[in-house]
Amino acid sequence: MTGETERRTNEVAIDASTGRPSESALALILYLLRIFTTRIWLFVAISSLIFTAILVTSMRKTKIYRATAEILIERQSANLKNLESPLTVNTDESDYYNTQVRILEGRGLAQIVAAALSLDQRADFSDRPADDLLTGLHIDFVRNARVVEISFEHADKQLAAEIVNSYIAEYKRDTLKRRSDTIDEL
């Protein structure tokens, strides 16, 4: 079969001597083009229908807003008499910051924020608003920094901002209370 003048590549006949599609392949292409041109309105209608369906679906989707704020977490100032060496690394530092992030992510703070904002009275929150808060809440600890990013996602952008601001205010209030309680114990 070495004397064949045509070879089949992906079901289209290619002339071996010229490397071009044979006349039968060109006839097939012309036939498909003729079908397309005679039914162009069908293709346009189907394409328009698909485009419109995608457009309507995306427009009906509820927009979700993300409010974000950053808070600087600083450890209570150390007593200068207790400093061993300026080059000594305190291993408790990372533990302290990880603990603060856990407090921010905790259910206790979520319950305080939910009560402060009366979220149990809102229709878009369930009867367990602290769970809803924890679902939309994102706490990101910035490595090698004392900054924590607090974000909340919700359909109401003003409420999302209020929740983030309330988280920061309640966290500060809780931190000050814990520090004053520690001082009172001393």
N, C-alpha and C. Protein backbone atom coordinates (compact mmCIF):
# COMPACT_ATOMS: atom_id res chain seq x y z
N MET A 1 0.80 -1.18 0.00
CA MET A 1 0.00 0.00 0.00
C MET A 1 0.85 1.25 0.00
N THR A 2 2.04 1.16 -0.46
CA THR A 2 2.89 2.33 -0.52
C THR A 2 2.56 3.22 -1.70
N GLY A 3 1.83 2.73 -2.68
CA GLY A 3 1.52 3.51 -3.86
C GLY A 3 0.26 4.35 -3.71
N GLU A 4 -0.34 4.41 -2.51
CA GLU A 4 -1.57 5.20 -2.33
C GLU A 4 -1.28 6.68 -2.50
N THR A 5 -2.20 7.35 -3.14
CA THR A 5 -2.04 8.79 -3.31
C THR A 5 -2.74 9.57 -2.20
N GLU A 6 -3.51 8.89 -1.40
CA GLU A 6 -4.20 9.56 -0.30
C GLU A 6 -3.95 8.80 0.99
N ARG A 7 -3.92 9.50 2.09
CA ARG A 7 -3.88 8.87 3.41
C ARG A 7 -4.95 9.53 4.26
N ARG A 8 -5.49 8.82 5.21
CA ARG A 8 -6.56 9.36 6.04
C ARG A 8 -5.95 9.84 7.36
N THR A 9 -6.22 11.12 7.70
CA THR A 9 -5.78 11.69 8.95
C THR A 9 -6.99 12.30 9.64
N ASN A 10 -7.38 11.74 10.75
CA ASN A 10 -8.56 12.20 11.48
C ASN A 10 -9.79 12.25 10.58
N GLU A 11 -9.96 11.22 9.76
CA GLU A 11 -11.12 11.06 8.89
C GLU A 11 -11.19 12.10 7.78
N VAL A 12 -10.16 12.88 7.53
CA VAL A 12 -10.12 13.81 6.40
C VAL A 12 -9.04 13.30 5.46
N ALA A 13 -9.41 13.16 4.19
CA ALA A 13 -8.46 12.62 3.21
C ALA A 13 -7.43 13.70 2.86
N ILE A 14 -6.13 13.34 2.98
CA ILE A 14 -5.02 14.24 2.66
C ILE A 14 -4.28 13.64 1.46
N ASP A 15 -4.05 14.47 0.47
CA ASP A 15 -3.28 14.04 -0.70
C ASP A 15 -1.82 13.92 -0.27
N ALA A 16 -1.23 12.72 -0.45
CA ALA A 16 0.13 12.46 0.00
C ALA A 16 1.15 13.27 -0.78
N SER A 17 0.91 13.55 -2.03
CA SER A 17 1.91 14.25 -2.83
C SER A 17 1.93 15.75 -2.55
N THR A 18 0.77 16.35 -2.26
CA THR A 18 0.71 17.80 -2.02
C THR A 18 0.57 18.17 -0.56
N GLY A 19 0.09 17.25 0.26
CA GLY A 19 -0.11 17.54 1.68
C GLY A 19 -1.36 18.36 1.94
N ARG A 20 -2.19 18.55 0.93
CA ARG A 20 -3.43 19.32 1.07
C ARG A 20 -4.62 18.37 1.14
N PRO A 21 -5.73 18.86 1.65
CA PRO A 21 -6.93 18.01 1.65
C PRO A 21 -7.33 17.67 0.22
N SER A 22 -7.77 16.46 0.04
CA SER A 22 -8.19 16.04 -1.30
C SER A 22 -9.51 16.71 -1.66
N GLU A 23 -9.94 16.49 -2.89
CA GLU A 23 -11.18 17.10 -3.36
C GLU A 23 -12.37 16.62 -2.55
N SER A 24 -12.33 15.37 -2.09
CA SER A 24 -13.45 14.86 -1.29
C SER A 24 -13.49 15.55 0.08
N ALA A 25 -12.32 15.87 0.65
CA ALA A 25 -12.27 16.59 1.93
C ALA A 25 -12.78 18.01 1.75
N LEU A 26 -12.39 18.65 0.64
CA LEU A 26 -12.89 20.00 0.36
C LEU A 26 -14.39 19.99 0.14
N ALA A 27 -14.88 18.94 -0.50
CA ALA A 27 -16.32 18.82 -0.71
C ALA A 27 -17.04 18.70 0.63
N LEU A 28 -16.44 17.94 1.57
CA LEU A 28 -17.04 17.80 2.90
C LEU A 28 -17.07 19.14 3.63
N ILE A 29 -15.97 19.88 3.55
CA ILE A 29 -15.90 21.20 4.20
C ILE A 29 -16.93 22.14 3.59
N LEU A 30 -17.05 22.13 2.26
CA LEU A 30 -18.04 22.98 1.61
C LEU A 30 -19.47 22.57 1.99
N TYR A 31 -19.69 21.28 2.13
CA TYR A 31 -21.01 20.78 2.53
C TYR A 31 -21.35 21.27 3.94
N LEU A 32 -20.40 21.15 4.87
CA LEU A 32 -20.64 21.61 6.25
C LEU A 32 -20.84 23.12 6.30
N LEU A 33 -20.09 23.84 5.49
CA LEU A 33 -20.25 25.29 5.43
C LEU A 33 -21.62 25.67 4.88
N ARG A 34 -22.09 24.92 3.90
CA ARG A 34 -23.42 25.18 3.34
C ARG A 34 -24.51 24.91 4.38
N ILE A 35 -24.36 23.83 5.15
CA ILE A 35 -25.33 23.55 6.22
C ILE A 35 -25.33 24.69 7.24
N PHE A 36 -24.14 25.14 7.60
CA PHE A 36 -24.04 26.23 8.58
C PHE A 36 -24.71 27.50 8.05
N THR A 37 -24.45 27.85 6.78
CA THR A 37 -25.01 29.10 6.24
C THR A 37 -26.52 29.00 6.05
N THR A 38 -27.04 27.83 5.72
CA THR A 38 -28.49 27.71 5.57
C THR A 38 -29.20 27.71 6.92
N ARG A 39 -28.50 27.32 7.97
CA ARG A 39 -29.11 27.28 9.31
C ARG A 39 -28.46 28.29 10.25
N ILE A 40 -27.95 29.36 9.71
CA ILE A 40 -27.26 30.36 10.52
C ILE A 40 -28.16 30.94 11.60
N TRP A 41 -29.44 31.13 11.27
CA TRP A 41 -30.36 31.72 12.26
C TRP A 41 -30.59 30.77 13.41
N LEU A 42 -30.54 29.49 13.15
CA LEU A 42 -30.67 28.52 14.24
C LEU A 42 -29.45 28.61 15.17
N PHE A 43 -28.26 28.70 14.59
CA PHE A 43 -27.05 28.84 15.40
C PHE A 43 -27.06 30.16 16.19
N VAL A 44 -27.49 31.23 15.54
CA VAL A 44 -27.57 32.53 16.23
C VAL A 44 -28.58 32.47 17.37
N ALA A 45 -29.72 31.85 17.12
CA ALA A 45 -30.77 31.75 18.15
C ALA A 45 -30.29 30.94 19.35
N ILE A 46 -29.65 29.81 19.09
CA ILE A 46 -29.15 28.97 20.18
C ILE A 46 -28.06 29.69 20.97
N SER A 47 -27.15 30.34 20.26
CA SER A 47 -26.09 31.10 20.93
C SER A 47 -26.66 32.24 21.77
N SER A 48 -27.66 32.95 21.22
CA SER A 48 -28.29 34.04 21.97
C SER A 48 -29.02 33.52 23.20
N LEU A 49 -29.67 32.40 23.06
CA LEU A 49 -30.39 31.79 24.19
C LEU A 49 -29.42 31.41 25.31
N ILE A 50 -28.31 30.81 24.95
CA ILE A 50 -27.30 30.42 25.95
C ILE A 50 -26.72 31.66 26.62
N PHE A 51 -26.39 32.67 25.84
CA PHE A 51 -25.84 33.91 26.39
C PHE A 51 -26.84 34.57 27.34
N THR A 52 -28.10 34.64 26.95
CA THR A 52 -29.13 35.26 27.79
C THR A 52 -29.33 34.48 29.09
N ALA A 53 -29.32 33.16 29.02
CA ALA A 53 -29.48 32.34 30.22
C ALA A 53 -28.33 32.57 31.19
N ILE A 54 -27.13 32.65 30.68
CA ILE A 54 -25.97 32.90 31.54
C ILE A 54 -26.05 34.30 32.15
N LEU A 55 -26.44 35.28 31.35
CA LEU A 55 -26.56 36.65 31.83
C LEU A 55 -27.62 36.78 32.93
N VAL A 56 -28.78 36.19 32.72
CA VAL A 56 -29.86 36.25 33.71
C VAL A 56 -29.45 35.54 35.00
N THR A 57 -28.82 34.41 34.87
CA THR A 57 -28.37 33.66 36.06
C THR A 57 -27.36 34.47 36.87
N SER A 58 -26.42 35.09 36.20
CA SER A 58 -25.41 35.86 36.93
C SER A 58 -25.99 37.13 37.53
N MET A 59 -26.98 37.73 36.89
CA MET A 59 -27.59 38.95 37.43
C MET A 59 -28.50 38.66 38.62
N ARG A 60 -29.09 37.48 38.67
CA ARG A 60 -29.99 37.13 39.77
C ARG A 60 -29.22 36.68 41.01
N LYS A 61 -27.98 36.36 40.86
CA LYS A 61 -27.17 35.88 41.98
C LYS A 61 -26.96 37.02 42.98
N THR A 62 -27.11 36.71 44.26
CA THR A 62 -26.95 37.71 45.31
C THR A 62 -25.48 38.13 45.41
N LYS A 63 -25.28 39.43 45.46
CA LYS A 63 -23.91 39.95 45.61
C LYS A 63 -23.48 39.76 47.06
N ILE A 64 -22.26 39.33 47.23
CA ILE A 64 -21.68 39.15 48.56
C ILE A 64 -20.57 40.17 48.72
N TYR A 65 -20.66 40.94 49.79
CA TYR A 65 -19.66 41.96 50.07
C TYR A 65 -18.73 41.46 51.18
N ARG A 66 -17.50 41.94 51.14
CA ARG A 66 -16.52 41.54 52.15
C ARG A 66 -15.96 42.80 52.79
N ALA A 67 -16.22 42.93 54.08
CA ALA A 67 -15.66 44.04 54.86
C ALA A 67 -14.40 43.51 55.55
N THR A 68 -13.34 44.31 55.53
CA THR A 68 -12.06 43.88 56.08
C THR A 68 -11.45 45.01 56.89
N ALA A 69 -10.87 44.63 58.01
CA ALA A 69 -10.14 45.59 58.84
C ALA A 69 -8.92 44.87 59.41
N GLU A 70 -7.94 45.64 59.77
CA GLU A 70 -6.73 45.08 60.38
C GLU A 70 -6.60 45.62 61.79
N ILE A 71 -6.09 44.76 62.65
CA ILE A 71 -5.87 45.16 64.04
C ILE A 71 -4.45 44.77 64.44
N LEU A 72 -3.81 45.66 65.15
CA LEU A 72 -2.47 45.41 65.65
C LEU A 72 -2.59 44.79 67.03
N ILE A 73 -1.97 43.64 67.21
CA ILE A 73 -2.01 42.96 68.50
C ILE A 73 -0.65 43.12 69.14
N GLU A 74 -0.64 43.81 70.28
CA GLU A 74 0.62 44.01 71.00
C GLU A 74 0.51 43.37 72.37
N ARG A 75 1.57 42.75 72.74
CA ARG A 75 1.64 42.14 74.05
C ARG A 75 1.80 43.24 75.09
N GLN A 76 1.31 42.98 76.27
CA GLN A 76 1.44 43.94 77.35
C GLN A 76 2.91 44.25 77.56
N SER A 77 3.24 45.52 77.74
CA SER A 77 4.65 45.92 77.82
C SER A 77 5.36 45.17 78.95
N ALA A 78 6.56 44.74 78.63
CA ALA A 78 7.35 43.96 79.58
C ALA A 78 8.06 44.87 80.57
N ASN A 79 8.38 44.32 81.70
CA ASN A 79 9.13 45.04 82.72
C ASN A 79 10.59 45.08 82.27
N LEU A 80 11.18 46.27 82.17
CA LEU A 80 12.54 46.40 81.66
C LEU A 80 13.57 45.74 82.56
N LYS A 81 13.28 45.55 83.85
CA LYS A 81 14.24 44.91 84.75
C LYS A 81 14.37 43.43 84.46
N ASN A 82 13.38 42.84 83.80
CA ASN A 82 13.39 41.40 83.55
C ASN A 82 14.01 41.03 82.20
N LEU A 83 14.52 42.00 81.46
CA LEU A 83 15.12 41.69 80.17
C LEU A 83 16.46 41.00 80.38
N GLU A 84 16.62 39.83 79.74
CA GLU A 84 17.86 39.09 79.88
C GLU A 84 18.90 39.59 78.88
N SER A 85 18.53 39.61 77.64
CA SER A 85 19.44 40.05 76.59
C SER A 85 18.59 40.54 75.42
N PRO A 86 19.03 41.59 74.75
CA PRO A 86 18.24 42.07 73.63
C PRO A 86 18.18 41.08 72.47
N LEU A 87 19.09 40.12 72.42
CA LEU A 87 19.11 39.17 71.32
C LEU A 87 18.36 37.88 71.65
N THR A 88 17.86 37.74 72.86
CA THR A 88 17.15 36.53 73.24
C THR A 88 15.77 36.53 72.59
N VAL A 89 15.41 35.40 72.00
CA VAL A 89 14.11 35.28 71.35
C VAL A 89 13.14 34.69 72.36
N ASN A 90 12.02 35.34 72.54
CA ASN A 90 11.02 34.88 73.48
C ASN A 90 10.08 33.93 72.74
N THR A 91 10.11 32.65 73.13
CA THR A 91 9.26 31.67 72.46
C THR A 91 7.80 31.84 72.81
N ASP A 92 7.51 32.58 73.86
CA ASP A 92 6.12 32.80 74.25
C ASP A 92 5.43 33.79 73.33
N GLU A 93 6.19 34.56 72.54
CA GLU A 93 5.61 35.56 71.64
C GLU A 93 4.66 34.91 70.64
N SER A 94 5.13 33.86 69.95
CA SER A 94 4.26 33.22 68.96
C SER A 94 3.05 32.57 69.63
N ASP A 95 3.25 32.02 70.80
CA ASP A 95 2.12 31.44 71.53
C ASP A 95 1.10 32.52 71.88
N TYR A 96 1.57 33.68 72.28
CA TYR A 96 0.66 34.77 72.64
C TYR A 96 -0.17 35.21 71.44
N TYR A 97 0.46 35.41 70.30
CA TYR A 97 -0.26 35.87 69.12
C TYR A 97 -1.21 34.81 68.57
N ASN A 98 -0.79 33.55 68.62
CA ASN A 98 -1.68 32.47 68.21
C ASN A 98 -2.90 32.39 69.13
N THR A 99 -2.69 32.63 70.42
CA THR A 99 -3.80 32.64 71.37
C THR A 99 -4.77 33.78 71.05
N GLN A 100 -4.25 34.93 70.71
CA GLN A 100 -5.12 36.07 70.38
C GLN A 100 -5.95 35.79 69.13
N VAL A 101 -5.35 35.14 68.16
CA VAL A 101 -6.09 34.78 66.94
C VAL A 101 -7.19 33.78 67.30
N ARG A 102 -6.89 32.83 68.17
CA ARG A 102 -7.90 31.85 68.59
C ARG A 102 -9.05 32.53 69.34
N ILE A 103 -8.74 33.55 70.13
CA ILE A 103 -9.79 34.30 70.81
C ILE A 103 -10.69 34.99 69.79
N LEU A 104 -10.08 35.58 68.76
CA LEU A 104 -10.86 36.24 67.72
C LEU A 104 -11.75 35.25 66.96
N GLU A 105 -11.27 34.03 66.79
CA GLU A 105 -12.04 33.02 66.06
C GLU A 105 -13.04 32.29 66.95
N GLY A 106 -13.01 32.56 68.25
CA GLY A 106 -13.79 31.78 69.20
C GLY A 106 -15.27 32.12 69.25
N ARG A 107 -16.03 31.16 69.76
CA ARG A 107 -17.47 31.30 69.91
C ARG A 107 -17.83 32.37 70.94
N GLY A 108 -17.02 32.53 71.97
CA GLY A 108 -17.33 33.51 73.00
C GLY A 108 -17.41 34.93 72.46
N LEU A 109 -16.43 35.32 71.68
CA LEU A 109 -16.43 36.65 71.09
C LEU A 109 -17.56 36.78 70.06
N ALA A 110 -17.84 35.71 69.33
CA ALA A 110 -18.94 35.73 68.35
C ALA A 110 -20.28 35.94 69.05
N GLN A 111 -20.47 35.33 70.20
CA GLN A 111 -21.72 35.52 70.96
C GLN A 111 -21.83 36.95 71.48
N ILE A 112 -20.73 37.52 71.92
CA ILE A 112 -20.75 38.91 72.40
C ILE A 112 -21.10 39.86 71.26
N VAL A 113 -20.50 39.65 70.10
CA VAL A 113 -20.77 40.51 68.94
C VAL A 113 -22.23 40.34 68.48
N ALA A 114 -22.71 39.11 68.46
CA ALA A 114 -24.10 38.86 68.04
C ALA A 114 -25.07 39.55 68.99
N ALA A 115 -24.79 39.52 70.28
CA ALA A 115 -25.66 40.17 71.25
C ALA A 115 -25.56 41.69 71.13
N ALA A 116 -24.37 42.21 70.93
CA ALA A 116 -24.18 43.67 70.82
C ALA A 116 -24.92 44.24 69.61
N LEU A 117 -24.99 43.48 68.53
CA LEU A 117 -25.65 43.95 67.31
C LEU A 117 -27.09 43.45 67.17
N SER A 118 -27.58 42.72 68.17
CA SER A 118 -28.94 42.14 68.16
C SER A 118 -29.20 41.35 66.88
N LEU A 119 -28.26 40.50 66.52
CA LEU A 119 -28.38 39.75 65.28
C LEU A 119 -29.47 38.68 65.35
N ASP A 120 -29.87 38.28 66.55
CA ASP A 120 -30.95 37.31 66.66
C ASP A 120 -32.30 37.90 66.24
N GLN A 121 -32.39 39.23 66.13
CA GLN A 121 -33.61 39.91 65.69
C GLN A 121 -33.68 40.07 64.18
N ARG A 122 -32.60 39.78 63.50
CA ARG A 122 -32.55 39.97 62.04
C ARG A 122 -33.03 38.71 61.33
N ALA A 123 -33.77 38.93 60.23
CA ALA A 123 -34.32 37.81 59.47
C ALA A 123 -33.25 37.03 58.71
N ASP A 124 -32.14 37.70 58.36
CA ASP A 124 -31.11 37.01 57.59
C ASP A 124 -30.12 36.22 58.45
N PHE A 125 -30.40 36.16 59.76
CA PHE A 125 -29.59 35.33 60.67
C PHE A 125 -30.49 34.29 61.29
N SER A 126 -29.95 33.12 61.55
CA SER A 126 -30.73 32.04 62.15
C SER A 126 -30.92 32.30 63.64
N ASP A 127 -31.52 31.33 64.32
CA ASP A 127 -31.70 31.48 65.77
C ASP A 127 -30.39 31.28 66.52
N ARG A 128 -29.34 30.93 65.81
CA ARG A 128 -27.99 30.82 66.40
C ARG A 128 -27.06 31.77 65.65
N PRO A 129 -27.17 33.07 65.92
CA PRO A 129 -26.39 34.05 65.14
C PRO A 129 -24.88 33.91 65.31
N ALA A 130 -24.42 33.39 66.44
CA ALA A 130 -22.97 33.21 66.62
C ALA A 130 -22.42 32.23 65.59
N ASP A 131 -23.20 31.18 65.29
CA ASP A 131 -22.76 30.23 64.26
C ASP A 131 -22.70 30.90 62.89
N ASP A 132 -23.71 31.74 62.61
CA ASP A 132 -23.71 32.47 61.33
C ASP A 132 -22.51 33.41 61.24
N LEU A 133 -22.17 34.04 62.36
CA LEU A 133 -21.00 34.93 62.36
C LEU A 133 -19.73 34.14 62.08
N LEU A 134 -19.57 33.03 62.73
CA LEU A 134 -18.36 32.23 62.53
C LEU A 134 -18.27 31.68 61.11
N THR A 135 -19.42 31.47 60.47
CA THR A 135 -19.41 30.99 59.09
C THR A 135 -18.89 32.06 58.13
N GLY A 136 -19.28 33.31 58.32
CA GLY A 136 -18.86 34.37 57.41
C GLY A 136 -17.57 35.05 57.81
N LEU A 137 -17.03 34.70 58.97
CA LEU A 137 -15.84 35.37 59.51
C LEU A 137 -14.56 34.73 58.97
N HIS A 138 -13.60 35.59 58.64
CA HIS A 138 -12.27 35.13 58.21
C HIS A 138 -11.23 35.90 59.01
N ILE A 139 -10.40 35.16 59.73
CA ILE A 139 -9.31 35.75 60.51
C ILE A 139 -8.01 35.28 59.88
N ASP A 140 -7.20 36.22 59.43
CA ASP A 140 -5.92 35.88 58.81
C ASP A 140 -4.80 36.51 59.61
N PHE A 141 -3.91 35.67 60.10
CA PHE A 141 -2.76 36.11 60.88
C PHE A 141 -1.63 36.39 59.90
N VAL A 142 -1.16 37.60 59.88
CA VAL A 142 -0.07 37.98 58.98
C VAL A 142 1.24 37.51 59.60
N ARG A 143 1.92 36.66 58.89
CA ARG A 143 3.19 36.10 59.41
C ARG A 143 4.23 37.20 59.59
N ASN A 144 5.04 37.02 60.62
CA ASN A 144 6.14 37.93 60.94
C ASN A 144 5.65 39.36 61.15
N ALA A 145 4.45 39.49 61.61
CA ALA A 145 3.89 40.80 61.92
C ALA A 145 2.92 40.62 63.07
N ARG A 146 2.56 41.70 63.66
CA ARG A 146 1.60 41.65 64.77
C ARG A 146 0.23 42.12 64.31
N VAL A 147 -0.03 41.94 63.04
CA VAL A 147 -1.27 42.41 62.45
C VAL A 147 -2.16 41.21 62.14
N VAL A 148 -3.42 41.35 62.47
CA VAL A 148 -4.42 40.34 62.16
C VAL A 148 -5.48 40.99 61.28
N GLU A 149 -5.83 40.32 60.21
CA GLU A 149 -6.85 40.83 59.29
C GLU A 149 -8.17 40.13 59.62
N ILE A 150 -9.19 40.93 59.88
CA ILE A 150 -10.52 40.41 60.20
C ILE A 150 -11.44 40.76 59.05
N SER A 151 -12.11 39.75 58.48
CA SER A 151 -13.02 39.96 57.36
C SER A 151 -14.33 39.26 57.63
N PHE A 152 -15.40 39.84 57.08
CA PHE A 152 -16.72 39.21 57.17
C PHE A 152 -17.43 39.39 55.85
N GLU A 153 -18.06 38.33 55.37
CA GLU A 153 -18.78 38.36 54.10
C GLU A 153 -20.29 38.28 54.36
N HIS A 154 -21.03 39.18 53.69
CA HIS A 154 -22.49 39.21 53.84
C HIS A 154 -23.09 39.95 52.65
N ALA A 155 -24.38 39.72 52.41
CA ALA A 155 -25.06 40.39 51.31
C ALA A 155 -25.28 41.88 51.59
N ASP A 156 -25.34 42.27 52.86
CA ASP A 156 -25.51 43.66 53.25
C ASP A 156 -24.14 44.23 53.60
N LYS A 157 -23.64 45.14 52.76
CA LYS A 157 -22.27 45.63 52.96
C LYS A 157 -22.14 46.47 54.22
N GLN A 158 -23.18 47.20 54.60
CA GLN A 158 -23.12 48.00 55.83
C GLN A 158 -23.09 47.10 57.06
N LEU A 159 -23.88 46.04 57.04
CA LEU A 159 -23.88 45.10 58.16
C LEU A 159 -22.53 44.40 58.27
N ALA A 160 -21.94 44.04 57.14
CA ALA A 160 -20.62 43.39 57.16
C ALA A 160 -19.60 44.31 57.81
N ALA A 161 -19.65 45.60 57.48
CA ALA A 161 -18.72 46.56 58.08
C ALA A 161 -19.00 46.72 59.58
N GLU A 162 -20.27 46.77 59.97
CA GLU A 162 -20.62 46.88 61.39
C GLU A 162 -20.12 45.68 62.17
N ILE A 163 -20.23 44.51 61.58
CA ILE A 163 -19.79 43.29 62.27
C ILE A 163 -18.28 43.31 62.47
N VAL A 164 -17.54 43.68 61.45
CA VAL A 164 -16.07 43.73 61.57
C VAL A 164 -15.68 44.78 62.62
N ASN A 165 -16.30 45.94 62.57
CA ASN A 165 -15.98 46.98 63.56
C ASN A 165 -16.35 46.54 64.96
N SER A 166 -17.46 45.86 65.10
CA SER A 166 -17.88 45.36 66.41
C SER A 166 -16.91 44.29 66.92
N TYR A 167 -16.44 43.44 66.02
CA TYR A 167 -15.45 42.44 66.43
C TYR A 167 -14.22 43.11 67.02
N ILE A 168 -13.75 44.13 66.35
CA ILE A 168 -12.55 44.83 66.84
C ILE A 168 -12.83 45.52 68.17
N ALA A 169 -13.96 46.19 68.27
CA ALA A 169 -14.30 46.90 69.52
C ALA A 169 -14.45 45.92 70.68
N GLU A 170 -15.15 44.82 70.45
CA GLU A 170 -15.36 43.84 71.53
C GLU A 170 -14.06 43.13 71.89
N TYR A 171 -13.21 42.88 70.90
CA TYR A 171 -11.90 42.28 71.19
C TYR A 171 -11.07 43.21 72.06
N LYS A 172 -11.05 44.49 71.71
CA LYS A 172 -10.29 45.47 72.51
C LYS A 172 -10.84 45.54 73.93
N ARG A 173 -12.17 45.59 74.04
CA ARG A 173 -12.80 45.66 75.36
C ARG A 173 -12.45 44.42 76.19
N ASP A 174 -12.51 43.25 75.56
CA ASP A 174 -12.19 42.00 76.26
C ASP A 174 -10.72 41.96 76.68
N THR A 175 -9.84 42.42 75.80
CA THR A 175 -8.40 42.43 76.11
C THR A 175 -8.11 43.37 77.27
N LEU A 176 -8.70 44.56 77.26
CA LEU A 176 -8.50 45.50 78.37
C LEU A 176 -9.04 44.95 79.68
N LYS A 177 -10.17 44.27 79.61
CA LYS A 177 -10.75 43.68 80.82
C LYS A 177 -9.84 42.59 81.38
N ARG A 178 -9.33 41.74 80.50
CA ARG A 178 -8.41 40.68 80.97
C ARG A 178 -7.14 41.28 81.56
N ARG A 179 -6.63 42.34 80.96
CA ARG A 179 -5.41 42.98 81.49
C ARG A 179 -5.69 43.64 82.84
N SER A 180 -6.82 44.29 82.98
CA SER A 180 -7.13 44.92 84.28
C SER A 180 -7.38 43.85 85.35
N ASP A 181 -8.00 42.73 84.96
CA ASP A 181 -8.19 41.65 85.92
C ASP A 181 -6.86 41.07 86.37
N THR A 182 -5.90 40.98 85.45
CA THR A 182 -4.56 40.47 85.78
C THR A 182 -3.86 41.44 86.74
N ILE A 183 -3.98 42.72 86.49
CA ILE A 183 -3.35 43.72 87.35
C ILE A 183 -3.99 43.69 88.75
N ASP A 184 -5.31 43.53 88.79
CA ASP A 184 -6.01 43.46 90.07
C ASP A 184 -5.59 42.25 90.89
N GLU A 185 -5.26 41.16 90.22
CA GLU A 185 -4.83 39.96 90.92
C GLU A 185 -3.44 40.13 91.53
N LEU A 186 -2.63 41.01 90.93
CA LEU A 186 -1.28 41.21 91.44
C LEU A 186 -1.38 42.06 92.69
